[in-house]
Amino acid sequence: MKKLGLVLLGIIAGLILALNVGPIIVLAVTGAIALVSYHYWRKSQSMFAKVVWMTVLIISVIGSISNIGAFIGIIALIGVYYVYRKWKDRNVNSNVISNDPFTNFERQWNELTK
């Protein structure tokens, strides 16, 4: 049952991620524009350049914040990563003796007290 849930979650998250690749790219571009404009705003000397770069910064930040599809895509990416990690953990054999000294001590103590 857990395997079916992981498969369904992985498929749904993968589809949502595939549909939101475009908005994620747009979010990255607007974020990069915001960083560049902030950098040049801090380095500019004239008031005109500061106003221009601040305007570009405000427009790009508003564009980034209003990009809801990208945030949904990022949540789907986190879901795909969660499914990948859980699926990978399921394939680990639990009968393998670990290198934890306390686990080995408990096992050996149980063998001695039998």
N, C-alpha and C. Protein backbone atom coordinates (compact mmCIF):
# COMPACT_ATOMS: atom_id res chain seq x y z
N MET A 1 0.83 -1.19 0.00
CA MET A 1 0.00 0.00 0.00
C MET A 1 0.87 1.26 0.00
N LYS A 2 1.96 1.24 0.77
CA LYS A 2 2.85 2.39 0.79
C LYS A 2 3.52 2.55 -0.57
N LYS A 3 3.81 1.42 -1.22
CA LYS A 3 4.45 1.48 -2.52
C LYS A 3 3.52 2.12 -3.54
N LEU A 4 2.24 1.80 -3.49
CA LEU A 4 1.26 2.38 -4.40
C LEU A 4 1.14 3.89 -4.15
N GLY A 5 1.13 4.28 -2.90
CA GLY A 5 1.06 5.71 -2.57
C GLY A 5 2.27 6.46 -3.07
N LEU A 6 3.46 5.86 -2.92
CA LEU A 6 4.67 6.51 -3.41
C LEU A 6 4.64 6.64 -4.94
N VAL A 7 4.16 5.60 -5.61
CA VAL A 7 4.09 5.65 -7.07
C VAL A 7 3.13 6.73 -7.52
N LEU A 8 1.94 6.79 -6.89
CA LEU A 8 0.96 7.80 -7.26
C LEU A 8 1.48 9.22 -6.97
N LEU A 9 2.09 9.41 -5.81
CA LEU A 9 2.65 10.71 -5.47
C LEU A 9 3.75 11.09 -6.45
N GLY A 10 4.58 10.14 -6.81
CA GLY A 10 5.66 10.41 -7.77
C GLY A 10 5.13 10.78 -9.14
N ILE A 11 4.10 10.07 -9.61
CA ILE A 11 3.52 10.37 -10.92
C ILE A 11 2.87 11.75 -10.93
N ILE A 12 2.08 12.03 -9.91
CA ILE A 12 1.39 13.33 -9.85
C ILE A 12 2.40 14.47 -9.72
N ALA A 13 3.38 14.30 -8.83
CA ALA A 13 4.39 15.36 -8.66
C ALA A 13 5.22 15.52 -9.92
N GLY A 14 5.53 14.42 -10.59
CA GLY A 14 6.30 14.51 -11.83
C GLY A 14 5.53 15.23 -12.93
N LEU A 15 4.23 14.96 -13.05
CA LEU A 15 3.42 15.65 -14.05
C LEU A 15 3.32 17.15 -13.75
N ILE A 16 3.09 17.47 -12.49
CA ILE A 16 3.00 18.88 -12.11
C ILE A 16 4.34 19.58 -12.37
N LEU A 17 5.44 18.90 -12.06
CA LEU A 17 6.76 19.47 -12.31
C LEU A 17 6.99 19.68 -13.79
N ALA A 18 6.59 18.70 -14.61
CA ALA A 18 6.77 18.82 -16.06
C ALA A 18 5.94 19.97 -16.63
N LEU A 19 4.76 20.18 -16.09
CA LEU A 19 3.91 21.26 -16.59
C LEU A 19 4.39 22.64 -16.15
N ASN A 20 5.17 22.69 -15.09
CA ASN A 20 5.61 23.98 -14.55
C ASN A 20 7.09 24.26 -14.78
N VAL A 21 7.69 23.61 -15.76
CA VAL A 21 9.10 23.88 -16.06
C VAL A 21 9.27 25.30 -16.60
N GLY A 22 8.35 25.74 -17.46
CA GLY A 22 8.41 27.09 -18.02
C GLY A 22 8.35 28.17 -16.96
N PRO A 23 7.35 28.12 -16.05
CA PRO A 23 7.33 29.13 -14.98
C PRO A 23 8.56 29.09 -14.06
N ILE A 24 9.14 27.91 -13.86
CA ILE A 24 10.35 27.83 -13.03
C ILE A 24 11.51 28.54 -13.72
N ILE A 25 11.60 28.38 -15.04
CA ILE A 25 12.65 29.07 -15.80
C ILE A 25 12.43 30.58 -15.75
N VAL A 26 11.17 31.01 -15.89
CA VAL A 26 10.86 32.44 -15.82
C VAL A 26 11.19 32.98 -14.43
N LEU A 27 10.91 32.20 -13.38
CA LEU A 27 11.26 32.62 -12.02
C LEU A 27 12.76 32.79 -11.88
N ALA A 28 13.53 31.87 -12.45
CA ALA A 28 14.99 31.98 -12.39
C ALA A 28 15.48 33.22 -13.13
N VAL A 29 14.88 33.50 -14.29
CA VAL A 29 15.31 34.67 -15.06
C VAL A 29 14.96 35.95 -14.32
N THR A 30 13.74 36.06 -13.80
CA THR A 30 13.37 37.29 -13.08
C THR A 30 14.17 37.44 -11.79
N GLY A 31 14.50 36.33 -11.15
CA GLY A 31 15.36 36.41 -9.98
C GLY A 31 16.76 36.88 -10.33
N ALA A 32 17.28 36.41 -11.45
CA ALA A 32 18.60 36.85 -11.89
C ALA A 32 18.58 38.34 -12.26
N ILE A 33 17.50 38.78 -12.92
CA ILE A 33 17.38 40.20 -13.24
C ILE A 33 17.32 41.04 -11.97
N ALA A 34 16.61 40.54 -10.97
CA ALA A 34 16.53 41.27 -9.70
C ALA A 34 17.90 41.36 -9.03
N LEU A 35 18.65 40.29 -9.05
CA LEU A 35 19.99 40.33 -8.45
C LEU A 35 20.92 41.28 -9.18
N VAL A 36 20.88 41.24 -10.51
CA VAL A 36 21.74 42.11 -11.30
C VAL A 36 21.36 43.57 -11.09
N SER A 37 20.06 43.85 -11.09
CA SER A 37 19.64 45.24 -10.91
C SER A 37 19.96 45.74 -9.50
N TYR A 38 19.87 44.88 -8.51
CA TYR A 38 20.26 45.28 -7.15
C TYR A 38 21.76 45.60 -7.09
N HIS A 39 22.55 44.77 -7.76
CA HIS A 39 23.99 45.00 -7.78
C HIS A 39 24.32 46.34 -8.43
N TYR A 40 23.73 46.61 -9.59
CA TYR A 40 24.01 47.86 -10.27
C TYR A 40 23.39 49.06 -9.56
N TRP A 41 22.28 48.85 -8.85
CA TRP A 41 21.70 49.94 -8.06
C TRP A 41 22.66 50.38 -6.96
N ARG A 42 23.30 49.40 -6.31
CA ARG A 42 24.25 49.74 -5.25
C ARG A 42 25.51 50.40 -5.79
N LYS A 43 25.93 50.03 -7.00
CA LYS A 43 27.15 50.59 -7.57
C LYS A 43 26.95 51.92 -8.27
N SER A 44 25.71 52.30 -8.61
CA SER A 44 25.48 53.51 -9.40
C SER A 44 25.71 54.76 -8.56
N GLN A 45 26.17 55.79 -9.24
CA GLN A 45 26.51 57.05 -8.57
C GLN A 45 25.42 58.11 -8.78
N SER A 46 24.85 58.16 -9.98
CA SER A 46 23.89 59.23 -10.27
C SER A 46 22.49 58.84 -9.80
N MET A 47 21.68 59.84 -9.55
CA MET A 47 20.32 59.62 -9.08
C MET A 47 19.47 58.99 -10.17
N PHE A 48 19.71 59.39 -11.43
CA PHE A 48 18.96 58.82 -12.54
C PHE A 48 19.20 57.31 -12.65
N ALA A 49 20.46 56.90 -12.55
CA ALA A 49 20.80 55.47 -12.63
C ALA A 49 20.19 54.71 -11.46
N LYS A 50 20.20 55.30 -10.28
CA LYS A 50 19.59 54.65 -9.11
C LYS A 50 18.09 54.45 -9.31
N VAL A 51 17.42 55.45 -9.88
CA VAL A 51 15.97 55.35 -10.12
C VAL A 51 15.69 54.27 -11.17
N VAL A 52 16.49 54.23 -12.23
CA VAL A 52 16.28 53.23 -13.28
C VAL A 52 16.49 51.83 -12.74
N TRP A 53 17.58 51.61 -12.02
CA TRP A 53 17.85 50.27 -11.50
C TRP A 53 16.85 49.87 -10.42
N MET A 54 16.38 50.81 -9.63
CA MET A 54 15.37 50.49 -8.62
C MET A 54 14.03 50.13 -9.29
N THR A 55 13.72 50.82 -10.38
CA THR A 55 12.50 50.49 -11.12
C THR A 55 12.59 49.08 -11.71
N VAL A 56 13.72 48.75 -12.29
CA VAL A 56 13.92 47.41 -12.83
C VAL A 56 13.84 46.37 -11.71
N LEU A 57 14.42 46.69 -10.58
CA LEU A 57 14.39 45.78 -9.43
C LEU A 57 12.97 45.55 -8.95
N ILE A 58 12.19 46.60 -8.81
CA ILE A 58 10.82 46.45 -8.33
C ILE A 58 9.97 45.65 -9.31
N ILE A 59 10.13 45.91 -10.61
CA ILE A 59 9.37 45.18 -11.62
C ILE A 59 9.74 43.70 -11.61
N SER A 60 11.02 43.39 -11.50
CA SER A 60 11.43 41.99 -11.51
C SER A 60 11.02 41.27 -10.22
N VAL A 61 11.04 41.93 -9.09
CA VAL A 61 10.59 41.30 -7.84
C VAL A 61 9.10 41.04 -7.88
N ILE A 62 8.32 41.98 -8.41
CA ILE A 62 6.88 41.77 -8.55
C ILE A 62 6.61 40.62 -9.51
N GLY A 63 7.37 40.56 -10.60
CA GLY A 63 7.23 39.44 -11.54
C GLY A 63 7.59 38.11 -10.92
N SER A 64 8.58 38.10 -10.05
CA SER A 64 8.97 36.85 -9.38
C SER A 64 7.92 36.41 -8.37
N ILE A 65 7.42 37.36 -7.59
CA ILE A 65 6.44 37.01 -6.56
C ILE A 65 5.12 36.56 -7.18
N SER A 66 4.73 37.16 -8.30
CA SER A 66 3.45 36.82 -8.90
C SER A 66 3.49 35.53 -9.70
N ASN A 67 4.62 34.88 -9.78
CA ASN A 67 4.76 33.66 -10.55
C ASN A 67 4.38 32.44 -9.68
N ILE A 68 3.08 32.26 -9.47
CA ILE A 68 2.58 31.19 -8.59
C ILE A 68 2.89 29.82 -9.17
N GLY A 69 2.83 29.68 -10.49
CA GLY A 69 3.09 28.38 -11.12
C GLY A 69 4.47 27.85 -10.80
N ALA A 70 5.44 28.74 -10.70
CA ALA A 70 6.80 28.30 -10.39
C ALA A 70 6.89 27.79 -8.95
N PHE A 71 6.17 28.44 -8.04
CA PHE A 71 6.20 27.97 -6.66
C PHE A 71 5.53 26.61 -6.53
N ILE A 72 4.46 26.39 -7.29
CA ILE A 72 3.82 25.07 -7.31
C ILE A 72 4.77 24.04 -7.90
N GLY A 73 5.51 24.41 -8.94
CA GLY A 73 6.49 23.51 -9.54
C GLY A 73 7.62 23.18 -8.59
N ILE A 74 8.04 24.14 -7.78
CA ILE A 74 9.10 23.88 -6.80
C ILE A 74 8.60 22.93 -5.72
N ILE A 75 7.35 23.10 -5.31
CA ILE A 75 6.77 22.16 -4.34
C ILE A 75 6.68 20.77 -4.95
N ALA A 76 6.34 20.67 -6.24
CA ALA A 76 6.30 19.37 -6.92
C ALA A 76 7.70 18.76 -7.00
N LEU A 77 8.71 19.60 -7.21
CA LEU A 77 10.09 19.12 -7.23
C LEU A 77 10.48 18.54 -5.87
N ILE A 78 10.06 19.19 -4.81
CA ILE A 78 10.31 18.67 -3.47
C ILE A 78 9.59 17.34 -3.28
N GLY A 79 8.37 17.22 -3.82
CA GLY A 79 7.63 15.96 -3.73
C GLY A 79 8.32 14.84 -4.49
N VAL A 80 8.84 15.14 -5.66
CA VAL A 80 9.57 14.12 -6.44
C VAL A 80 10.82 13.69 -5.68
N TYR A 81 11.52 14.63 -5.08
CA TYR A 81 12.71 14.30 -4.30
C TYR A 81 12.35 13.44 -3.09
N TYR A 82 11.23 13.77 -2.43
CA TYR A 82 10.77 12.98 -1.29
C TYR A 82 10.47 11.55 -1.71
N VAL A 83 9.77 11.38 -2.83
CA VAL A 83 9.45 10.03 -3.32
C VAL A 83 10.74 9.29 -3.66
N TYR A 84 11.68 9.96 -4.29
CA TYR A 84 12.95 9.32 -4.64
C TYR A 84 13.68 8.83 -3.39
N ARG A 85 13.75 9.68 -2.36
CA ARG A 85 14.45 9.28 -1.14
C ARG A 85 13.74 8.12 -0.44
N LYS A 86 12.40 8.17 -0.35
CA LYS A 86 11.66 7.10 0.30
C LYS A 86 11.78 5.80 -0.49
N TRP A 87 11.75 5.90 -1.81
CA TRP A 87 11.87 4.69 -2.63
C TRP A 87 13.26 4.09 -2.48
N LYS A 88 14.27 4.94 -2.41
CA LYS A 88 15.64 4.47 -2.24
C LYS A 88 15.82 3.81 -0.86
N ASP A 89 15.19 4.37 0.18
CA ASP A 89 15.29 3.80 1.52
C ASP A 89 14.58 2.46 1.61
N ARG A 90 13.54 2.25 0.80
CA ARG A 90 12.80 1.00 0.84
C ARG A 90 13.63 -0.15 0.30
N ASN A 91 14.57 0.14 -0.59
CA ASN A 91 15.37 -0.91 -1.21
C ASN A 91 16.54 -1.35 -0.35
N VAL A 92 16.80 -0.68 0.75
CA VAL A 92 17.89 -1.05 1.64
C VAL A 92 17.46 -2.27 2.44
N ASN A 93 18.31 -3.27 2.50
CA ASN A 93 17.99 -4.50 3.22
C ASN A 93 18.16 -4.27 4.72
N SER A 94 17.11 -4.54 5.48
CA SER A 94 17.18 -4.29 6.92
C SER A 94 17.88 -5.42 7.67
N ASN A 95 18.17 -6.54 7.02
CA ASN A 95 18.84 -7.66 7.67
C ASN A 95 20.35 -7.50 7.70
N VAL A 96 20.86 -6.50 7.03
CA VAL A 96 22.29 -6.26 7.01
C VAL A 96 22.72 -5.72 8.37
N ILE A 97 23.81 -6.27 8.91
CA ILE A 97 24.31 -5.84 10.21
C ILE A 97 24.98 -4.49 10.04
N SER A 98 24.57 -3.53 10.85
CA SER A 98 25.14 -2.20 10.74
C SER A 98 26.46 -2.11 11.49
N ASN A 99 27.17 -1.04 11.28
CA ASN A 99 28.44 -0.83 11.94
C ASN A 99 28.28 -0.07 13.24
N ASP A 100 27.05 0.10 13.69
CA ASP A 100 26.80 0.80 14.95
C ASP A 100 27.24 -0.10 16.10
N PRO A 101 28.15 0.35 16.97
CA PRO A 101 28.65 -0.51 18.04
C PRO A 101 27.56 -0.89 19.04
N PHE A 102 26.59 -0.04 19.26
CA PHE A 102 25.54 -0.36 20.21
C PHE A 102 24.62 -1.44 19.69
N THR A 103 24.35 -1.44 18.38
CA THR A 103 23.53 -2.49 17.79
C THR A 103 24.25 -3.82 17.88
N ASN A 104 25.53 -3.84 17.57
CA ASN A 104 26.29 -5.08 17.65
C ASN A 104 26.40 -5.55 19.10
N PHE A 105 26.54 -4.62 20.05
CA PHE A 105 26.61 -4.99 21.46
C PHE A 105 25.31 -5.64 21.91
N GLU A 106 24.17 -5.04 21.53
CA GLU A 106 22.88 -5.61 21.91
C GLU A 106 22.70 -7.00 21.32
N ARG A 107 23.10 -7.18 20.08
CA ARG A 107 22.98 -8.49 19.44
C ARG A 107 23.87 -9.52 20.15
N GLN A 108 25.11 -9.15 20.47
CA GLN A 108 26.02 -10.08 21.13
C GLN A 108 25.56 -10.35 22.57
N TRP A 109 25.01 -9.36 23.26
CA TRP A 109 24.53 -9.55 24.62
C TRP A 109 23.35 -10.53 24.63
N ASN A 110 22.47 -10.39 23.65
CA ASN A 110 21.35 -11.33 23.55
C ASN A 110 21.81 -12.74 23.27
N GLU A 111 22.87 -12.88 22.48
CA GLU A 111 23.40 -14.21 22.21
C GLU A 111 24.05 -14.82 23.45
N LEU A 112 24.71 -13.99 24.28
CA LEU A 112 25.36 -14.49 25.49
C LEU A 112 24.36 -14.87 26.58
N THR A 113 23.28 -14.16 26.66
CA THR A 113 22.32 -14.42 27.75
C THR A 113 21.33 -15.52 27.41
N LYS A 114 21.39 -16.11 26.26
CA LYS A 114 20.45 -17.19 25.90
C LYS A 114 20.80 -18.48 26.58
